[in-house]
N, C-alpha and C. Protein backbone atom coordinates (compact mmCIF):
# COMPACT_ATOMS: atom_id res chain seq x y z
N GLY A 1 113.06 123.37 84.07
CA GLY A 1 114.17 123.78 83.06
C GLY A 1 114.16 124.85 82.14
N ALA A 2 115.15 125.28 81.39
CA ALA A 2 115.18 126.61 80.58
C ALA A 2 114.32 126.21 79.49
N PRO A 3 113.23 127.54 79.27
CA PRO A 3 112.63 127.59 78.09
C PRO A 3 113.30 126.84 76.86
N GLY A 4 112.41 125.80 76.17
CA GLY A 4 113.00 125.47 75.02
C GLY A 4 113.66 124.02 75.29
N ALA A 5 113.82 124.14 76.49
CA ALA A 5 114.78 122.71 77.08
C ALA A 5 114.40 121.59 76.61
N SER A 6 112.99 121.35 76.49
CA SER A 6 112.32 119.93 75.88
C SER A 6 111.10 120.36 74.91
N THR A 7 110.87 119.67 74.09
CA THR A 7 109.70 119.71 73.16
C THR A 7 108.96 118.57 73.40
N LEU A 8 107.63 118.76 72.75
CA LEU A 8 106.63 117.99 72.72
C LEU A 8 106.24 117.19 71.30
N PRO A 9 106.75 116.11 70.95
CA PRO A 9 106.25 115.72 69.58
C PRO A 9 104.87 116.16 69.01
N PRO A 10 104.90 117.05 67.51
CA PRO A 10 103.70 117.61 67.00
C PRO A 10 102.52 117.08 66.93
N ASP A 11 102.41 115.67 67.42
CA ASP A 11 101.19 114.93 67.23
C ASP A 11 100.62 114.90 68.84
N THR A 12 101.10 115.27 69.70
CA THR A 12 100.81 115.10 71.15
C THR A 12 99.25 116.05 71.61
N ASP A 13 98.32 115.25 72.23
CA ASP A 13 97.35 116.00 72.63
C ASP A 13 97.49 116.10 74.01
N ILE A 14 98.09 117.41 74.39
CA ILE A 14 98.08 117.79 76.09
C ILE A 14 97.33 117.40 76.95
N ARG A 15 95.77 117.92 76.15
CA ARG A 15 94.56 117.99 77.34
C ARG A 15 94.38 116.33 77.59
N SER A 16 93.90 115.46 76.09
CA SER A 16 94.15 114.10 76.67
C SER A 16 95.12 113.33 77.55
N LEU A 17 96.35 113.88 77.42
CA LEU A 17 97.22 113.19 78.20
C LEU A 17 97.22 113.57 79.87
N THR A 18 96.75 115.04 79.87
CA THR A 18 96.46 115.29 81.34
C THR A 18 95.68 114.69 81.88
N GLN A 19 94.51 114.44 80.87
CA GLN A 19 93.31 113.95 81.62
C GLN A 19 93.32 112.50 81.56
N SER A 20 94.10 111.73 81.51
CA SER A 20 94.36 110.51 81.48
C SER A 20 94.88 110.28 82.73
N LEU A 21 95.96 111.15 83.37
CA LEU A 21 96.73 111.29 84.41
C LEU A 21 96.16 111.81 85.65
N ALA A 22 94.93 112.60 85.58
CA ALA A 22 94.33 113.17 86.54
C ALA A 22 93.57 112.22 87.38
N ALA A 23 93.31 112.15 88.62
CA ALA A 23 92.35 111.03 89.60
C ALA A 23 91.12 111.53 88.93
N THR A 24 90.30 110.26 88.67
CA THR A 24 88.71 110.11 88.03
C THR A 24 88.38 109.06 89.04
N GLY A 25 86.96 108.86 88.96
CA GLY A 25 86.32 107.97 89.56
C GLY A 25 86.25 106.70 88.51
N GLY A 26 85.77 105.88 88.44
CA GLY A 26 86.04 104.54 87.75
C GLY A 26 84.74 103.65 87.81
N GLU A 27 84.97 102.64 87.34
CA GLU A 27 83.96 101.68 87.07
C GLU A 27 83.70 100.76 88.44
N ARG A 28 84.76 100.82 89.19
CA ARG A 28 84.66 100.05 90.66
C ARG A 28 84.16 101.09 91.45
N ALA A 29 83.60 100.39 92.63
CA ALA A 29 83.17 101.29 93.90
C ALA A 29 83.62 100.40 95.29
N ALA A 30 84.39 101.30 96.10
CA ALA A 30 84.93 100.89 97.30
C ALA A 30 83.96 101.20 98.76
N SER A 31 83.61 100.52 99.43
CA SER A 31 82.85 100.63 100.61
C SER A 31 83.73 101.20 101.62
N LEU A 32 83.58 102.41 102.42
CA LEU A 32 84.54 102.69 102.87
C LEU A 32 83.79 103.37 104.42
N LEU A 33 84.39 103.06 105.82
CA LEU A 33 83.74 103.52 106.86
C LEU A 33 84.80 104.63 107.10
N VAL A 34 84.12 105.93 107.37
CA VAL A 34 85.17 106.92 107.66
C VAL A 34 84.72 108.00 108.98
N ARG A 35 85.39 108.16 109.58
CA ARG A 35 84.94 109.25 110.85
C ARG A 35 84.61 110.61 110.50
N PRO A 36 83.19 110.95 111.34
CA PRO A 36 82.73 111.98 110.67
C PRO A 36 83.54 113.21 110.93
N GLY A 37 83.42 114.22 109.83
CA GLY A 37 84.37 115.24 109.72
C GLY A 37 85.95 115.02 109.10
N ALA A 38 86.34 113.65 108.69
CA ALA A 38 87.39 113.45 107.81
C ALA A 38 87.18 112.82 106.81
N GLY A 39 88.13 112.66 105.78
CA GLY A 39 87.90 112.27 104.43
C GLY A 39 87.62 113.12 103.76
N GLN A 40 87.70 114.30 103.77
CA GLN A 40 87.43 115.59 102.82
C GLN A 40 87.23 115.15 101.41
N GLY A 41 88.56 114.59 101.00
CA GLY A 41 88.59 113.91 99.43
C GLY A 41 87.74 113.11 99.09
N LEU A 42 87.74 112.11 100.10
CA LEU A 42 86.85 110.92 99.71
C LEU A 42 85.18 111.40 99.43
N ARG A 43 84.87 112.23 100.49
CA ARG A 43 83.48 113.20 100.45
C ARG A 43 82.88 113.55 99.36
N ARG A 44 84.03 114.24 98.57
CA ARG A 44 83.96 114.89 97.38
C ARG A 44 83.35 114.20 96.51
N ARG A 45 83.89 112.96 96.37
CA ARG A 45 83.52 111.92 95.47
C ARG A 45 82.63 111.00 95.70
N CYS A 46 82.14 111.14 96.98
CA CYS A 46 80.74 110.42 97.17
C CYS A 46 79.17 110.93 97.36
N PRO A 47 78.36 110.36 96.59
CA PRO A 47 77.16 111.53 96.57
C PRO A 47 76.41 111.68 98.00
N ALA A 48 76.75 110.79 99.23
CA ALA A 48 75.87 111.14 100.04
C ALA A 48 76.30 109.78 101.04
N ALA A 49 76.71 110.50 102.30
CA ALA A 49 77.22 109.42 103.46
C ALA A 49 75.98 108.89 103.77
N GLU A 50 76.11 107.58 104.15
CA GLU A 50 75.11 106.63 105.07
C GLU A 50 75.75 106.45 106.65
N ALA A 51 74.50 106.24 107.45
CA ALA A 51 75.34 105.88 108.67
C ALA A 51 75.88 104.84 108.55
N GLY A 52 76.58 104.39 109.47
CA GLY A 52 77.48 103.42 109.59
C GLY A 52 77.05 103.00 111.16
N PRO A 53 78.16 102.38 111.59
CA PRO A 53 78.39 101.66 113.03
C PRO A 53 78.71 103.10 113.85
N GLU A 54 78.26 103.03 115.28
CA GLU A 54 78.63 104.17 115.74
C GLU A 54 79.81 104.96 115.64
N GLY A 55 80.01 106.06 115.71
CA GLY A 55 81.49 106.94 115.27
C GLY A 55 81.79 106.53 114.10
N TRP A 56 80.86 106.26 112.77
CA TRP A 56 81.47 106.11 111.77
C TRP A 56 80.33 106.36 110.88
N GLU A 57 81.05 106.95 109.15
CA GLU A 57 79.78 107.17 108.02
C GLU A 57 80.10 106.05 107.14
N ARG A 58 79.74 105.95 106.61
CA ARG A 58 79.76 104.61 105.20
C ARG A 58 79.92 105.66 103.82
N LEU A 59 80.86 105.32 103.30
CA LEU A 59 80.74 106.11 101.94
C LEU A 59 81.12 105.20 101.00
N THR A 60 80.67 105.30 99.77
CA THR A 60 80.78 104.58 98.71
C THR A 60 81.64 105.50 97.24
N VAL A 61 82.93 105.10 97.46
CA VAL A 61 83.67 105.85 96.19
C VAL A 61 83.69 105.13 94.94
N ALA A 62 84.13 105.79 94.12
CA ALA A 62 84.07 105.03 92.69
C ALA A 62 86.08 105.40 92.31
N TYR A 63 86.30 104.50 91.94
CA TYR A 63 87.67 104.60 91.60
C TYR A 63 88.37 103.62 90.57
N ALA A 64 89.32 103.80 89.72
CA ALA A 64 89.44 103.38 88.80
C ALA A 64 91.08 102.45 88.78
N HIS A 65 92.06 102.71 89.53
CA HIS A 65 93.16 102.24 89.86
C HIS A 65 93.18 101.76 91.35
N THR A 66 93.12 100.56 91.81
CA THR A 66 93.61 100.23 93.33
C THR A 66 94.54 100.57 93.61
N ASP A 67 95.90 100.52 93.11
CA ASP A 67 97.10 101.17 93.80
C ASP A 67 96.65 102.43 94.22
N ASN A 68 96.19 103.63 93.18
CA ASN A 68 95.95 104.55 93.71
C ASN A 68 95.04 105.06 94.68
N LEU A 69 94.05 104.15 95.06
CA LEU A 69 93.16 104.54 95.64
C LEU A 69 93.88 103.78 97.26
N VAL A 70 94.28 103.01 97.30
CA VAL A 70 95.40 102.53 98.64
C VAL A 70 96.03 103.66 98.96
N ASP A 71 97.02 104.11 98.11
CA ASP A 71 97.93 105.45 98.24
C ASP A 71 96.98 106.44 99.39
N GLU A 72 95.74 106.81 98.38
CA GLU A 72 94.67 108.09 98.86
C GLU A 72 94.48 107.49 100.45
N LEU A 73 94.11 106.19 100.42
CA LEU A 73 93.49 105.83 101.62
C LEU A 73 94.16 105.90 102.89
N LEU A 74 95.51 105.25 102.81
CA LEU A 74 96.53 105.34 103.65
C LEU A 74 96.99 106.55 104.06
N GLY A 75 96.76 107.84 103.51
CA GLY A 75 96.91 109.32 103.82
C GLY A 75 95.99 109.51 105.15
N TYR A 76 94.84 108.88 104.98
CA TYR A 76 93.86 109.16 105.87
C TYR A 76 93.78 108.33 107.67
N GLY A 77 94.61 107.57 107.59
CA GLY A 77 95.23 106.51 108.49
C GLY A 77 93.82 106.18 109.10
N ALA A 78 93.85 106.18 110.92
CA ALA A 78 93.07 105.52 111.31
C ALA A 78 91.40 106.18 111.16
N ASP A 79 91.46 107.00 110.30
CA ASP A 79 90.05 107.70 109.88
C ASP A 79 89.49 107.13 109.10
N VAL A 80 90.07 105.94 108.42
CA VAL A 80 89.34 105.58 107.46
C VAL A 80 89.63 103.99 107.63
N VAL A 81 88.40 102.90 107.22
CA VAL A 81 88.19 101.54 107.28
C VAL A 81 87.95 101.06 105.90
N VAL A 82 88.56 100.18 105.24
CA VAL A 82 87.64 99.70 104.29
C VAL A 82 87.23 98.55 104.39
N GLU A 83 85.64 98.51 103.89
CA GLU A 83 84.71 97.09 104.09
C GLU A 83 85.29 96.71 102.86
N GLY A 84 85.49 97.05 101.83
CA GLY A 84 85.61 96.22 100.62
C GLY A 84 85.93 96.98 99.36
N PRO A 85 86.18 96.52 98.35
CA PRO A 85 86.34 95.02 98.06
C PRO A 85 87.68 94.72 98.59
N VAL A 86 87.67 93.54 98.44
CA VAL A 86 88.86 92.52 99.33
C VAL A 86 89.91 93.18 98.58
N GLU A 87 90.28 93.56 97.52
CA GLU A 87 91.48 93.74 97.07
C GLU A 87 91.99 95.10 97.48
N VAL A 88 91.32 96.21 97.78
CA VAL A 88 91.15 97.47 98.30
C VAL A 88 92.01 97.44 99.51
N ARG A 89 91.13 96.50 100.02
CA ARG A 89 91.41 96.19 101.91
C ARG A 89 92.84 95.47 101.84
N ASP A 90 92.96 94.43 101.18
CA ASP A 90 94.28 93.63 101.19
C ASP A 90 95.56 94.55 100.51
N GLY A 91 95.19 95.63 99.92
CA GLY A 91 96.41 96.27 99.54
C GLY A 91 96.79 97.68 100.59
N VAL A 92 95.73 97.80 101.15
CA VAL A 92 96.23 98.65 102.40
C VAL A 92 96.80 97.71 103.56
N VAL A 93 96.36 96.58 103.86
CA VAL A 93 96.98 95.76 104.75
C VAL A 93 98.10 95.46 104.49
N ALA A 94 98.38 95.21 103.23
CA ALA A 94 99.97 94.59 102.78
C ALA A 94 101.03 96.09 102.78
N ARG A 95 100.74 97.52 102.55
CA ARG A 95 101.36 98.60 102.67
C ARG A 95 101.50 98.68 103.87
N LEU A 96 100.66 98.51 104.94
CA LEU A 96 100.76 98.63 106.62
C LEU A 96 101.68 97.74 106.97
N GLU A 97 101.92 96.90 106.60
CA GLU A 97 102.75 95.43 106.84
C GLU A 97 103.84 95.72 106.61
N ARG A 98 104.18 96.29 105.03
CA ARG A 98 105.87 96.41 104.65
C ARG A 98 106.13 97.91 105.76
N LEU A 99 105.33 98.86 106.00
CA LEU A 99 105.77 100.10 106.70
C LEU A 99 106.15 99.62 108.19
N VAL A 100 105.71 98.76 108.72
CA VAL A 100 105.77 98.26 110.16
C VAL A 100 106.99 97.39 110.25
N GLY A 101 107.11 96.46 109.26
CA GLY A 101 108.41 95.77 108.67
C GLY A 101 109.67 96.70 108.29
N ALA A 102 109.44 97.61 107.87
CA ALA A 102 110.76 98.53 107.68
C ALA A 102 111.06 99.25 108.80
N GLU A 103 110.17 99.45 109.37
CA GLU A 103 110.34 100.32 110.78
C GLU A 103 110.94 99.09 111.78
N ALA A 104 110.68 98.08 112.16
CA ALA A 104 111.35 96.77 112.82
C ALA A 104 112.28 96.34 112.41
N SER A 105 112.98 97.19 111.08
CA SER A 105 114.46 96.49 110.66
C SER A 105 115.05 97.56 110.74
N ARG A 106 115.12 98.74 111.50
CA ARG A 106 115.78 99.99 111.69
C ARG A 106 116.58 99.67 112.92
């Protein structure tokens, strides 16, 4: 918009507001299987990858909001598999089922 088109209330703490909206780790952790060389955004938040089944590495990633993590994981497609927790795995499955259903109804 044009300069001056909007104003912030005088008591707005912009730094706190932007930090609250930024992607951060959290108190929960998800166990993920990730293809070698994939999932760079996840790898940046993981202290170290562990050996997984053949062709996979296991990452443990901290997260704060299940929906945000589900959104992120969907972007990696078949290069990431959720081992747990159940609510993250179920969230990914539910979103994929909705996508398939939407395509089928076209």
